[in-house]
């Protein structure tokens, strides 16, 4: 699945640098290597400069279909919608700015991806459609699939590589010293504070709406691919790991975990925003990479744990398990 997203990156990169067809191996090698064929692209018009009428079309999404001529066994989902992540473009940066504000679902790209997914579902059926994405594209894919599950009771298979978490993970003092007991205490205090602040700052109607949405997601389980060494997506592992640990601390811990799960403490600072990035259940694919030294390794392709290429390297070691928050 990751190679299908790489194909979208390649198509947009070649468009940006205006590469001729003979200058490098064609982008098609990425989807043909996994027996898919390209059937459609989504080109989004963006203004290149502020106050300028010069517009360009960026390729953000591709629609693939299983190659029926392939001798390999077909996958359950034969239509895949792949969404690329961030490239050095102003419009990509603008969309990323909406993630910590929890308003990515209000952006034009979200709406265009939603339209593409709905079109594919209407044509092929939800059981035939899968959405995949990386980084910003994974964050958008999660929101689109989550919204369909909540609002239209449509469940589609989702494979999300290194999705951007609204808050970049930074190790706290308790983690740097490796004190698990202290970490557990701080975790419990943090979620207890989340419950208290939510009841203080969020009106009852909004709380009821958020919890009802969370409940409707209980039978939808996206696949989320996280590298523990990647501070951009590690928040998803932290979220589920923290709730698992808290739920093991007796009935009170499980109760606090259940009450706090649908909410984001930091998100309470932005009135009118909902924690639309949270789900009660996932299939978590965890690559236990060492924490990255941002200052020395960020520019090194081999050690940048956010890189999509990490998910098809030969020596990849991944732990996969189904994780569900207690009482949801």
Foldseek 3Di string as FASTA:
>chain_A
DLLVQVLLVQVQVCVVVVPDPPPDPHSVCSVVVVQKDWDDWDWDWDDQDPPDPDIDTGTFKTKIAGNPPDPDDADQAGIEIEGEADDPGPVNVVLLVCLLLQCNCVDPVLVVVLVVQVVCCVVPNQRRYEYEYAACSLLSQLLSQLCCLQPVVRAHEYEYELYFHSDFDDDDPCVVVPPVVVVLVVLLVVLVVLLVVCPVQPDPVVLVVLVSSQVSQPPHAYEYEDECQARRRVVVVVLLVSLVSQCVPPPVSLVSSVSRQSADSSNSVNPPHGPSSGHFKYWYKYFHDDHDPCVPPVPPPVRNRSDSVQVPDPPTDIDTDITGRPPD
